[in-house]
Protein backbone atom coordinates (compact mmCIF):
# COMPACT_ATOMS: atom_id res chain seq x y z
CA UNK A 1 -0.70 -29.83 5.69
CA UNK A 2 -0.55 -26.41 4.00
CA UNK A 3 -3.30 -23.82 4.16
CA UNK A 4 -4.40 -20.94 2.01
CA UNK A 5 -5.90 -17.74 3.30
CA UNK A 6 -9.56 -16.94 2.66
CA UNK A 7 -10.31 -13.17 2.46
CA UNK A 8 -13.55 -13.83 4.35
CA UNK A 9 -11.48 -14.93 7.32
CA UNK A 10 -11.19 -18.72 7.18
CA UNK A 11 -8.25 -21.01 6.73
CA UNK A 12 -8.62 -24.27 4.90
CA UNK A 13 -6.97 -26.75 2.61
CA UNK A 14 -5.84 -25.67 -0.81
CA UNK A 15 -8.69 -25.12 -3.23
CA UNK A 16 -9.19 -24.77 -6.94
CA UNK A 17 -7.70 -21.89 -8.87
CA UNK A 18 -11.12 -20.47 -9.77
CA UNK A 19 -12.11 -20.34 -6.09
CA UNK A 20 -8.91 -18.56 -5.11
CA UNK A 21 -9.34 -16.06 -7.95
CA UNK A 22 -12.89 -15.35 -6.86
CA UNK A 23 -11.83 -14.88 -3.24
CA UNK A 24 -9.06 -12.46 -4.20
CA UNK A 25 -11.55 -10.09 -5.87
CA UNK A 26 -12.04 -8.25 -2.59
CA UNK A 27 -8.31 -7.62 -2.26
CA UNK A 28 -8.02 -6.57 -5.89
CA UNK A 29 -10.99 -4.21 -5.50
CA UNK A 30 -9.33 -2.72 -2.46
CA UNK A 31 -6.03 -2.25 -4.28
CA UNK A 32 -7.69 -0.60 -7.26
CA UNK A 33 -9.67 1.71 -5.02
CA UNK A 34 -6.61 2.52 -2.91
CA UNK A 35 -4.67 3.41 -6.06
CA UNK A 36 -7.42 5.74 -7.21
CA UNK A 37 -7.84 7.21 -3.76
CA UNK A 38 -4.08 7.62 -3.47
CA UNK A 39 -4.15 9.59 -6.70
CA UNK A 40 -7.20 11.62 -5.70
CA UNK A 41 -5.80 12.33 -2.24
CA UNK A 42 -2.45 13.17 -3.77
CA UNK A 43 -4.18 15.65 -6.04
CA UNK A 44 -6.03 16.88 -2.95
CA UNK A 45 -2.65 17.41 -1.32
CA UNK A 46 -1.40 19.10 -4.47
CA UNK A 47 -4.49 21.31 -4.41
CA UNK A 48 -3.59 22.44 -0.91
CA UNK A 49 0.03 22.95 -1.94
CA UNK A 50 -0.95 25.00 -4.99
CA UNK A 51 -3.51 27.11 -3.17
CA UNK A 52 -0.99 27.75 -0.38
CA UNK A 53 1.31 29.35 -2.97
CA UNK A 54 -1.25 32.02 -3.78
CA UNK A 55 -3.60 32.21 -0.79
CA UNK A 56 -2.95 33.59 2.68
CA UNK A 57 -3.72 32.32 6.20
CA UNK A 58 -6.68 34.73 6.17
CA UNK A 59 -8.12 32.95 3.11
CA UNK A 60 -7.79 29.57 4.83
CA UNK A 61 -9.29 31.05 7.98
CA UNK A 62 -12.27 32.41 6.04
CA UNK A 63 -12.90 29.00 4.50
CA UNK A 64 -12.62 27.40 7.96
CA UNK A 65 -15.29 29.82 9.24
CA UNK A 66 -17.59 28.85 6.35
CA UNK A 67 -17.06 25.16 7.12
CA UNK A 68 -17.82 25.82 10.76
CA UNK A 69 -21.09 27.57 9.89
CA UNK A 70 -22.20 24.76 7.58
CA UNK A 71 -21.59 22.37 10.47
CA UNK A 72 -24.96 23.65 11.67
CA UNK A 73 -26.77 24.78 8.50
CA UNK A 74 -26.06 21.44 6.79
CA UNK A 75 -26.35 19.37 9.94
CA UNK A 76 -29.15 17.23 8.47
CA UNK A 77 -27.01 16.27 5.47
CA UNK A 78 -29.18 13.97 3.37
CA UNK A 79 -31.17 12.70 6.32
CA UNK A 80 -28.72 9.85 6.78
CA UNK A 81 -29.40 8.37 3.35
CA UNK A 82 -25.72 8.41 2.44
CA UNK A 83 -25.04 5.84 5.15
CA UNK A 84 -27.99 3.67 4.12
CA UNK A 85 -26.82 3.66 0.49
CA UNK A 86 -23.54 1.99 1.51
CA UNK A 87 -25.38 -0.92 3.15
CA UNK A 88 -27.82 -1.71 0.33
CA UNK A 89 -27.53 -4.98 -1.54
CA UNK A 90 -28.10 -4.72 -5.32
CA UNK A 91 -31.62 -6.16 -5.10
CA UNK A 92 -32.67 -3.62 -2.44
CA UNK A 93 -32.43 -0.59 -4.72
CA UNK A 94 -35.69 -1.39 -6.48
CA UNK A 95 -37.59 -1.69 -3.20
CA UNK A 96 -36.24 1.21 -1.12
CA UNK A 97 -33.95 3.26 -3.38
CA UNK A 98 -36.59 5.59 -4.78
CA UNK A 99 -37.83 6.61 -1.34
CA UNK A 100 -34.31 7.22 -0.07
CA UNK A 101 -33.48 9.44 -3.05
CA UNK A 102 -36.53 11.60 -2.41
CA UNK A 103 -35.67 11.97 1.27
CA UNK A 104 -32.08 12.87 0.37
CA UNK A 105 -33.14 15.58 -2.07
CA UNK A 106 -35.58 17.10 0.44
CA UNK A 107 -32.96 17.31 3.19
CA UNK A 108 -30.28 18.54 0.78
CA UNK A 109 -32.45 21.45 -0.38
CA UNK A 110 -33.42 22.30 3.20
CA UNK A 111 -29.74 22.45 4.15
CA UNK A 112 -28.99 24.60 1.13
CA UNK A 113 -31.77 27.04 2.10
CA UNK A 114 -30.48 27.30 5.68
CA UNK A 115 -26.97 27.99 4.35
CA UNK A 116 -28.27 30.69 2.01
CA UNK A 117 -30.16 32.24 4.91
CA UNK A 118 -26.99 32.38 7.02
CA UNK A 119 -24.86 34.01 4.32
CA UNK A 120 -25.56 37.71 4.95
CA UNK A 121 -25.82 37.55 8.78
CA UNK A 122 -22.52 35.63 8.97
CA UNK A 123 -20.76 38.10 6.67
CA UNK A 124 -21.90 40.93 8.92
CA UNK A 125 -20.96 39.20 12.17
CA UNK A 126 -17.42 38.33 11.05
CA UNK A 127 -17.07 41.56 9.03
CA UNK A 128 -16.02 39.54 5.97
CA UNK A 129 -18.03 40.42 2.86
CA UNK A 130 -16.64 37.56 0.78
CA UNK A 131 -17.91 35.07 3.38
CA UNK A 132 -21.43 35.49 1.98
CA UNK A 133 -20.33 34.32 -1.48
CA UNK A 134 -18.46 31.37 0.00
CA UNK A 135 -21.61 30.25 1.85
CA UNK A 136 -23.78 30.68 -1.26
CA UNK A 137 -21.37 28.46 -3.18
CA UNK A 138 -21.39 25.89 -0.37
CA UNK A 139 -25.19 25.75 -0.56
CA UNK A 140 -24.89 24.76 -4.22
CA UNK A 141 -22.17 22.23 -3.39
CA UNK A 142 -24.39 20.60 -0.75
CA UNK A 143 -27.01 19.71 -3.36
CA UNK A 144 -24.44 18.26 -5.77
CA UNK A 145 -22.84 16.23 -2.96
CA UNK A 146 -26.08 14.40 -2.20
CA UNK A 147 -26.93 13.90 -5.86
CA UNK A 148 -23.59 12.12 -6.31
CA UNK A 149 -24.06 9.60 -3.49
CA UNK A 150 -26.86 7.47 -4.95
CA UNK A 151 -25.25 6.52 -8.30
CA UNK A 152 -21.89 6.00 -6.61
CA UNK A 153 -23.44 3.67 -4.03
CA UNK A 154 -25.24 1.74 -6.78
CA UNK A 155 -21.90 1.17 -8.47
CA UNK A 156 -20.32 0.04 -5.18
CA UNK A 157 -23.14 -2.44 -4.55
CA UNK A 158 -22.31 -3.99 -7.93
CA UNK A 159 -18.62 -4.04 -6.88
CA UNK A 160 -17.67 -1.73 -9.77
CA UNK A 161 -14.68 -0.43 -7.86
CA UNK A 162 -12.44 -0.14 -10.90
CA UNK A 163 -14.90 2.21 -12.60
CA UNK A 164 -15.31 4.21 -9.39
CA UNK A 165 -11.53 4.44 -9.21
CA UNK A 166 -11.19 5.93 -12.68
CA UNK A 167 -13.98 8.41 -12.01
CA UNK A 168 -12.16 9.52 -8.86
CA UNK A 169 -8.92 9.92 -10.78
CA UNK A 170 -10.50 12.05 -13.50
CA UNK A 171 -12.59 14.27 -11.22
CA UNK A 172 -9.62 14.81 -8.89
CA UNK A 173 -7.54 16.04 -11.80
CA UNK A 174 -10.34 18.44 -12.75
CA UNK A 175 -10.54 19.72 -9.17
CA UNK A 176 -6.79 20.37 -9.07
CA UNK A 177 -6.83 22.22 -12.39
CA UNK A 178 -9.77 24.44 -11.44
CA UNK A 179 -8.26 25.21 -8.02
CA UNK A 180 -4.95 26.22 -9.60
CA UNK A 181 -6.61 28.56 -12.09
CA UNK A 182 -8.86 30.19 -9.50
CA UNK A 183 -6.16 30.61 -6.83
CA UNK A 184 -3.78 32.08 -9.36
CA UNK A 185 -6.39 34.62 -10.42
CA UNK A 186 -7.16 35.79 -6.89
CA UNK A 187 -10.45 34.07 -6.05
CA UNK A 188 -9.46 33.63 -2.40
CA UNK A 189 -11.53 31.26 -0.26
CA UNK A 190 -14.00 30.74 -3.13
CA UNK A 191 -11.27 28.69 -4.80
CA UNK A 192 -11.92 25.71 -2.52
CA UNK A 193 -15.68 25.60 -3.03
CA UNK A 194 -15.91 26.23 -6.77
CA UNK A 195 -13.26 23.58 -7.47
CA UNK A 196 -15.33 21.08 -5.47
CA UNK A 197 -18.54 22.06 -7.29
CA UNK A 198 -16.95 21.39 -10.69
CA UNK A 199 -15.52 18.06 -9.54
CA UNK A 200 -18.72 16.86 -7.85
CA UNK A 201 -21.00 17.87 -10.72
CA UNK A 202 -18.82 15.89 -13.09
CA UNK A 203 -18.92 12.93 -10.70
CA UNK A 204 -22.73 13.01 -10.70
CA UNK A 205 -22.78 12.76 -14.49
CA UNK A 206 -20.17 10.00 -14.78
CA UNK A 207 -21.49 7.84 -11.94
CA UNK A 208 -25.04 8.12 -13.27
CA UNK A 209 -23.88 6.89 -16.68
CA UNK A 210 -22.02 3.92 -15.16
CA UNK A 211 -24.50 2.90 -12.47
CA UNK A 212 -26.79 0.91 -14.81
CA UNK A 213 -29.92 2.39 -13.29
CA UNK A 214 -33.33 0.92 -14.00
CA UNK A 215 -36.69 2.61 -13.61
CA UNK A 216 -37.42 0.56 -10.51
CA UNK A 217 -34.42 2.15 -8.79
CA UNK A 218 -36.34 5.44 -8.63
CA UNK A 219 -39.87 4.17 -8.01
CA UNK A 220 -41.51 4.20 -4.61
CA UNK A 221 -43.74 1.60 -3.04
CA UNK A 222 -47.27 2.45 -1.84
CA UNK A 223 -47.15 4.14 1.57
CA UNK A 224 -43.38 4.43 1.24
CA UNK A 225 -42.82 7.42 3.50
CA UNK A 226 -43.33 5.82 6.94
CA UNK A 227 -41.03 2.79 6.38
CA UNK A 228 -38.39 5.01 4.77
CA UNK A 229 -38.40 7.41 7.72
CA UNK A 230 -38.15 4.44 10.08
CA UNK A 231 -35.17 3.16 8.11
CA UNK A 232 -33.25 6.45 8.38
CA UNK A 233 -33.90 7.03 12.09
CA UNK A 234 -30.48 5.96 13.30
CA UNK A 235 -28.57 6.96 10.15
CA UNK A 236 -30.07 10.45 10.48
CA UNK A 237 -28.69 10.76 14.01
CA UNK A 238 -25.38 9.43 12.75
CA UNK A 239 -25.28 12.04 9.98
CA UNK A 240 -25.87 14.76 12.53
CA UNK A 241 -22.98 13.45 14.62
CA UNK A 242 -20.71 13.10 11.57
CA UNK A 243 -21.39 16.73 10.70
CA UNK A 244 -20.69 17.86 14.25
CA UNK A 245 -17.40 15.95 14.35
CA UNK A 246 -16.24 17.52 11.11
CA UNK A 247 -15.59 21.23 11.70
CA UNK A 248 -17.21 22.07 15.02
CA UNK A 249 -13.75 22.87 16.43
CA UNK A 250 -13.15 25.44 13.69
CA UNK A 251 -16.53 27.06 14.34
CA UNK A 252 -15.95 27.38 18.10
CA UNK A 253 -12.38 28.60 17.59
CA UNK A 254 -13.54 31.20 15.03
CA UNK A 255 -15.49 32.96 17.79
CA UNK A 256 -12.37 33.55 19.90
CA UNK A 257 -9.15 33.51 17.86
CA UNK A 258 -7.81 35.78 15.08
CA UNK A 259 -8.58 34.88 11.47
CA UNK A 260 -4.95 34.21 10.51
CA UNK A 261 -4.38 31.90 13.51
CA UNK A 262 -7.54 30.00 12.63
CA UNK A 263 -6.22 29.71 9.08
CA UNK A 264 -2.92 28.20 10.26
CA UNK A 265 -4.82 25.74 12.48
CA UNK A 266 -7.18 24.66 9.69
CA UNK A 267 -4.35 24.45 7.15
CA UNK A 268 -2.24 22.28 9.49
CA UNK A 269 -5.01 19.90 10.54
CA UNK A 270 -6.37 19.41 7.01
CA UNK A 271 -2.86 18.79 5.67
CA UNK A 272 -1.95 16.28 8.37
CA UNK A 273 -5.36 14.60 8.06
CA UNK A 274 -4.66 13.52 4.48
CA UNK A 275 -3.77 9.99 5.73
CA UNK A 276 -7.20 9.72 7.40
CA UNK A 277 -8.90 10.66 4.16
CA UNK A 278 -6.71 8.29 2.18
CA UNK A 279 -6.67 5.27 4.45
CA UNK A 280 -9.94 5.47 6.35
CA UNK A 281 -12.34 6.75 3.72
CA UNK A 282 -10.89 4.53 0.99
CA UNK A 283 -10.80 1.28 2.93
CA UNK A 284 -14.17 1.94 4.58
CA UNK A 285 -15.84 2.51 1.22
CA UNK A 286 -14.73 -1.00 0.19
CA UNK A 287 -15.23 -2.74 3.54
CA UNK A 288 -18.80 -1.46 4.04
CA UNK A 289 -20.32 -3.22 0.97
CA UNK A 290 -18.44 -6.44 1.77
CA UNK A 291 -19.43 -6.29 5.44
CA UNK A 292 -23.04 -5.83 4.33
CA UNK A 293 -22.84 -9.26 2.72
CA UNK A 294 -21.59 -10.76 5.99
CA UNK A 295 -24.45 -9.26 7.98
CA UNK A 296 -26.30 -11.63 10.37
CA UNK A 297 -23.40 -14.12 10.38
CA UNK A 298 -21.66 -13.73 13.74
CA UNK A 299 -18.43 -15.42 12.67
CA UNK A 300 -18.06 -13.37 9.50
CA UNK A 301 -19.00 -10.18 11.34
CA UNK A 302 -16.26 -10.78 13.89
CA UNK A 303 -13.75 -11.56 11.15
CA UNK A 304 -14.70 -8.40 9.24
CA UNK A 305 -14.01 -6.19 12.26
CA UNK A 306 -10.89 -8.12 13.31
CA UNK A 307 -9.37 -7.95 9.82
CA UNK A 308 -10.05 -4.22 9.56
CA UNK A 309 -8.35 -3.61 12.90
CA UNK A 310 -5.32 -5.83 12.25
CA UNK A 311 -4.65 -4.35 8.81
CA UNK A 312 -5.00 -0.77 9.98
CA UNK A 313 -3.03 -0.97 13.23
CA UNK A 314 -0.03 -2.44 11.39
CA UNK A 315 0.19 0.09 8.56
CA UNK A 316 -1.58 3.23 9.81
CA UNK A 317 0.97 4.33 12.47
CA UNK A 318 3.88 4.01 10.04
CA UNK A 319 1.98 5.89 7.35
CA UNK A 320 0.58 8.66 9.56
CA UNK A 321 3.80 9.35 11.44
CA UNK A 322 5.63 9.53 8.13
CA UNK A 323 4.03 12.95 7.71
CA UNK A 324 5.64 14.13 10.95
CA UNK A 325 9.01 12.90 9.68
CA UNK A 326 9.13 14.66 6.33
CA UNK A 327 6.98 17.78 6.80
CA UNK A 328 9.56 20.19 8.34
CA UNK A 329 11.82 19.90 5.29
CA UNK A 330 8.90 19.64 2.88
CA UNK A 331 7.50 22.99 4.03
CA UNK A 332 10.74 24.75 3.14
CA UNK A 333 10.83 23.12 -0.30
CA UNK A 334 7.23 23.89 -1.19
CA UNK A 335 6.59 27.30 0.34
CA UNK A 336 9.97 28.69 1.35
CA UNK A 337 9.00 29.09 5.03
CA UNK A 338 5.79 30.99 4.18
CA UNK A 339 3.90 28.41 6.28
CA UNK A 340 6.64 27.90 8.88
CA UNK A 341 4.10 28.44 11.67
CA UNK A 342 2.34 25.24 10.55
CA UNK A 343 5.31 22.92 11.19
CA UNK A 344 4.67 22.08 14.84
CA UNK A 345 0.87 21.92 14.42
CA UNK A 346 1.29 19.44 11.54
CA UNK A 347 3.82 17.30 13.44
CA UNK A 348 1.65 17.20 16.57
CA UNK A 349 -1.53 16.51 14.60
CA UNK A 350 0.17 13.54 12.91
CA UNK A 351 1.13 12.09 16.29
CA UNK A 352 -2.43 12.42 17.55
CA UNK A 353 -4.04 10.95 14.42
CA UNK A 354 -2.93 7.33 14.82
CA UNK A 355 -5.86 6.05 16.87
CA UNK A 356 -8.52 8.25 15.19
CA UNK A 357 -7.43 6.83 11.81
CA UNK A 358 -7.70 3.24 13.05
CA UNK A 359 -11.12 4.03 14.50
CA UNK A 360 -12.24 5.47 11.16
CA UNK A 361 -11.21 2.25 9.40
CA UNK A 362 -13.26 0.22 11.90
CA UNK A 363 -16.30 2.35 11.10
CA UNK A 364 -16.49 0.82 7.59
CA UNK A 365 -17.54 -2.66 8.80
CA UNK A 366 -19.88 -1.11 11.38
CA UNK A 367 -21.72 0.75 8.62
CA UNK A 368 -21.95 -2.36 6.45
CA UNK A 369 -23.21 -4.41 9.40
CA UNK A 370 -25.70 -1.66 10.31
CA UNK A 371 -24.49 -1.49 13.88
CA UNK A 372 -25.97 1.99 14.14
CA UNK A 373 -26.03 2.20 17.94
CA UNK A 374 -22.35 1.35 18.22
CA UNK A 375 -21.40 3.67 15.37
CA UNK A 376 -23.45 6.49 16.93
CA UNK A 377 -21.61 5.98 20.20
CA UNK A 378 -18.25 6.30 18.44
CA UNK A 379 -19.28 9.51 16.72
CA UNK A 380 -20.76 10.97 19.90
CA UNK A 381 -17.51 10.52 21.78
CA UNK A 382 -15.55 11.95 18.86
CA UNK A 383 -17.76 15.06 18.78
CA UNK A 384 -17.56 15.45 22.56
CA UNK A 385 -13.78 15.16 22.55
CA UNK A 386 -13.54 17.86 19.88
CA UNK A 387 -15.83 20.27 21.70
CA UNK A 388 -14.19 19.77 25.09
CA UNK A 389 -10.71 19.86 23.54
CA UNK A 390 -11.22 23.14 21.70
CA UNK A 391 -12.88 24.77 24.74
CA UNK A 392 -9.96 23.77 26.97
CA UNK A 393 -7.53 25.11 24.38
CA UNK A 394 -9.38 28.43 24.19
CA UNK A 395 -9.31 28.74 27.99
CA UNK A 396 -5.54 28.25 27.94
CA UNK A 397 -5.14 30.75 25.08
CA UNK A 398 -7.15 33.41 26.91
CA UNK A 399 -5.65 32.75 30.34
CA UNK A 400 -2.05 32.98 29.13
CA UNK A 401 -2.81 35.56 26.41
CA UNK A 402 -1.15 33.41 23.74
CA UNK A 403 -0.51 34.89 20.30
CA UNK A 404 0.54 33.99 16.76
CA UNK A 405 1.78 30.40 16.25
CA UNK A 406 1.15 29.47 19.89
CA UNK A 407 -2.59 29.66 19.24
CA UNK A 408 -2.58 26.99 16.52
CA UNK A 409 -0.29 24.73 18.57
CA UNK A 410 -2.55 25.02 21.63
CA UNK A 411 -5.65 24.21 19.57
CA UNK A 412 -3.94 21.12 18.16
CA UNK A 413 -2.86 19.97 21.62
CA UNK A 414 -6.34 20.40 23.06
CA UNK A 415 -8.35 18.82 20.24
CA UNK A 416 -5.76 16.23 19.24
CA UNK A 417 -4.93 14.81 22.66
CA UNK A 418 -8.55 14.31 23.72
CA UNK A 419 -9.44 12.94 20.27
CA UNK A 420 -6.64 10.38 20.50
CA UNK A 421 -7.65 9.25 24.00
CA UNK A 422 -11.29 8.97 22.95
CA UNK A 423 -10.40 6.96 19.83
CA UNK A 424 -8.24 4.54 21.84
CA UNK A 425 -11.09 3.85 24.27
CA UNK A 426 -13.64 3.38 21.48
CA UNK A 427 -11.39 1.02 19.50
CA UNK A 428 -11.10 -1.22 22.54
CA UNK A 429 -14.87 -1.07 23.03
CA UNK A 430 -15.63 -2.11 19.43
CA UNK A 431 -13.18 -5.02 19.55
CA UNK A 432 -14.60 -6.16 22.88
CA UNK A 433 -18.14 -6.04 21.47
CA UNK A 434 -17.14 -8.38 18.64
CA UNK A 435 -15.17 -10.64 21.01
CA UNK A 436 -11.82 -10.15 19.31
CA UNK A 437 -8.92 -11.72 21.20
CA UNK A 438 -8.07 -9.26 23.96
CA UNK A 439 -4.37 -10.11 24.34
CA UNK A 440 -3.83 -9.59 20.62
CA UNK A 441 -5.42 -6.17 20.34
CA UNK A 442 -3.99 -4.82 23.61
CA UNK A 443 -0.48 -5.63 22.37
CA UNK A 444 -1.09 -4.23 18.88
CA UNK A 445 -2.60 -0.98 20.17
CA UNK A 446 0.73 -0.11 21.77
CA UNK A 447 3.38 -2.00 19.81
CA UNK A 448 3.17 -0.55 16.29
CA UNK A 449 2.50 3.08 17.34
CA UNK A 450 5.52 2.83 19.64
CA UNK A 451 7.66 1.32 16.87
CA UNK A 452 6.55 4.08 14.50
CA UNK A 453 7.34 6.79 17.06
CA UNK A 454 10.79 5.30 17.63
CA UNK A 455 11.26 5.24 13.85
CA UNK A 456 10.49 8.98 13.71
CA UNK A 457 12.90 9.75 16.56
CA UNK A 458 15.61 7.55 15.06
CA UNK A 459 15.19 9.11 11.63
CA UNK A 460 15.41 12.65 12.99
CA UNK A 461 18.53 11.76 14.97
CA UNK A 462 20.30 10.20 11.99
CA UNK A 463 19.36 13.04 9.65
CA UNK A 464 20.54 15.67 12.14
CA UNK A 465 23.89 13.89 12.52
CA UNK A 466 24.37 13.64 8.75
CA UNK A 467 23.40 17.27 8.09
CA UNK A 468 25.39 18.83 10.94
CA UNK A 469 28.55 19.34 8.81
CA UNK A 470 26.41 21.12 6.19
CA UNK A 471 24.94 23.73 8.56
CA UNK A 472 27.41 26.43 7.50
CA UNK A 473 27.22 25.47 3.84
CA UNK A 474 26.67 28.37 1.46
CA UNK A 475 24.01 26.46 -0.48
CA UNK A 476 20.49 27.90 -0.38
CA UNK A 477 18.10 26.73 2.31
CA UNK A 478 15.91 25.00 -0.30
CA UNK A 479 18.81 22.82 -1.43
CA UNK A 480 19.55 21.84 2.16
CA UNK A 481 15.84 21.23 2.74
CA UNK A 482 15.75 18.97 -0.32
CA UNK A 483 18.69 16.94 1.03
CA UNK A 484 17.00 16.73 4.44
CA UNK A 485 13.73 15.60 2.83
CA UNK A 486 15.41 12.89 0.74
CA UNK A 487 17.33 11.57 3.75
CA UNK A 488 14.27 11.63 6.03
CA UNK A 489 12.08 9.83 3.53
CA UNK A 490 14.71 7.21 2.68
CA UNK A 491 15.75 6.41 6.24
CA UNK A 492 12.19 6.31 7.56
CA UNK A 493 11.10 4.04 4.69
CA UNK A 494 13.97 1.63 5.36
CA UNK A 495 13.22 1.52 9.09
CA UNK A 496 9.53 0.90 8.36
CA UNK A 497 10.31 -1.94 5.96
CA UNK A 498 12.65 -3.53 8.50
CA UNK A 499 9.90 -3.32 11.12
CA UNK A 500 7.35 -4.96 8.83
CA UNK A 501 9.85 -7.59 7.71
CA UNK A 502 10.85 -8.79 11.16
CA UNK A 503 7.93 -7.89 13.45
CA UNK A 504 4.93 -8.61 11.22
CA UNK A 505 6.22 -11.10 8.66
CA UNK A 506 3.40 -13.64 8.97
CA UNK A 507 0.67 -11.03 8.70
CA UNK A 508 2.54 -9.34 5.90
CA UNK A 509 2.58 -12.67 4.05
CA UNK A 510 -1.21 -12.86 4.37
CA UNK A 511 -1.50 -9.51 2.59
CA UNK A 512 1.16 -10.25 -0.04
CA UNK A 513 -0.27 -13.64 -1.05
CA UNK A 514 -3.49 -11.96 -2.21
CA UNK A 515 -1.79 -9.31 -4.35
CA UNK A 516 -1.49 -9.39 -8.16
CA UNK A 517 1.55 -11.31 -9.38
CA UNK A 518 3.71 -8.33 -10.39
CA UNK A 519 3.13 -6.45 -7.16
CA UNK A 520 3.59 -9.63 -5.13
CA UNK A 521 7.00 -10.31 -6.70
CA UNK A 522 8.11 -6.72 -6.13
CA UNK A 523 7.19 -6.77 -2.45
CA UNK A 524 8.87 -10.14 -1.96
CA UNK A 525 12.10 -8.64 -3.28
CA UNK A 526 11.76 -5.54 -1.09
CA UNK A 527 11.45 -7.55 2.12
CA UNK A 528 13.87 -10.31 1.03
CA UNK A 529 11.59 -13.35 1.02
CA UNK A 530 10.89 -15.90 -1.69
CA UNK A 531 7.42 -16.52 -3.07
CA UNK A 532 7.65 -20.14 -1.93
CA UNK A 533 7.64 -18.87 1.69
CA UNK A 534 4.18 -17.31 1.36
CA UNK A 535 2.20 -20.43 2.31
CA UNK A 536 1.55 -20.59 6.04
CA UNK A 537 1.05 -23.71 8.11
CA UNK A 538 -1.79 -24.05 10.60
CA UNK A 539 0.68 -23.87 13.51
CA UNK A 540 2.09 -20.59 12.22
CA UNK A 541 -1.41 -19.19 11.80
CA UNK A 542 -2.51 -20.15 15.29
CA UNK A 543 0.67 -18.78 16.84
CA UNK A 544 0.08 -15.45 15.08
């Protein structure tokens, strides 16, 4: 008997074409959103590349200080409403949406006022006059950020992921354009904030037009305040923890390390963290609404978490460590060794990001299932690991009187190593809570990261051997860097495909069978299998 895969997690006999099409909507939504997020994150990466042409480590350091300050002035965020929005079913907007919007606006304006109040004192303390203007701009951005969440969440609840995707594509292009113009004209750290304001304001307008709001979505029920406050109790605490886990390391480091060193650290971490923003934020934004529909069904809840883990642990290590493989040559191509001090921090950050990225993917189902206690625990440990890691790094820096690039490397080692250990422990805890097969996840937690690390080492060894005869070549260093980049990317991609083809074929088939026809055929050719091999028997499924 042959079986088809159900995206909700069940295996059964072959069903009608209409049923299969309906069940593949989740995968298609995910693909569309990933494409848009890939574009938006790529433009985010381009934004960092472009700004790095014109801005200095001091500019990045100043922006990192501002982010660190807003860790505390904007700690309330929207009162946790952003998390609640992601869990709402379409019919719930009329009953609780209006109250949540009001709470969000109140908290957003309070945060903006606190940020405005901190502008002048912070500028005086750090002796950076432009810091005040950066903080004023971030106060404005905070309001726009919370105004954008409600219409976007309404669209997600209606599964309008294609429309969300196109909005992301357009606003990302606007952000890149504005950032380029401002950086080129010497706006310094303000470049980052103003570009985000323009992009977010446009997102508010477009999402509001597409969200199909009704008057009931903004009305409040009689005596609405008490039940709304009760609803946001845990999400509010979660928002506080999310804020603390964001840039608390930059804030603490800003009190002890030079501005330029802080800039190199922030630049390196934000650049290497692009995979987290691409993979985790994108997939979580899709998984949360779908997990919300599985809420209160133990079997579907378990499958939601298990699927998120399996998908992420297979692909995340290969994707994240790819940054470590190509960045040394890429830095020479893009900036001509202007940011050479960032090479080791970026490579080390990539190595440490594997488990935190997988944990971030798992947070999507937890939000949709409203497992607030468990999610709060994850965030608490993440915040604690950051604080302890940066404090240990600062102690080492001061004790050994480290300077220049050693400061950024030490900060990465302190924060990254503890963050990775914490994420590993919390991943195991989440999977244990949902009773996922222990033998499976213990093996996967080590196997793919180890394979990916060996792929990086193997790639570097092969590239070094190939390039050794060219070391004394008279060609410019950018030409040699371009050759090194092309070789690194090609070899690493081939090794990764070989790994997926022979180590994860059955699980790869599960993913491929749900893809659109054109993409499915292309991937089948890349990994040398025929489409007729995509059906899996029950024995194969159980053995996997």
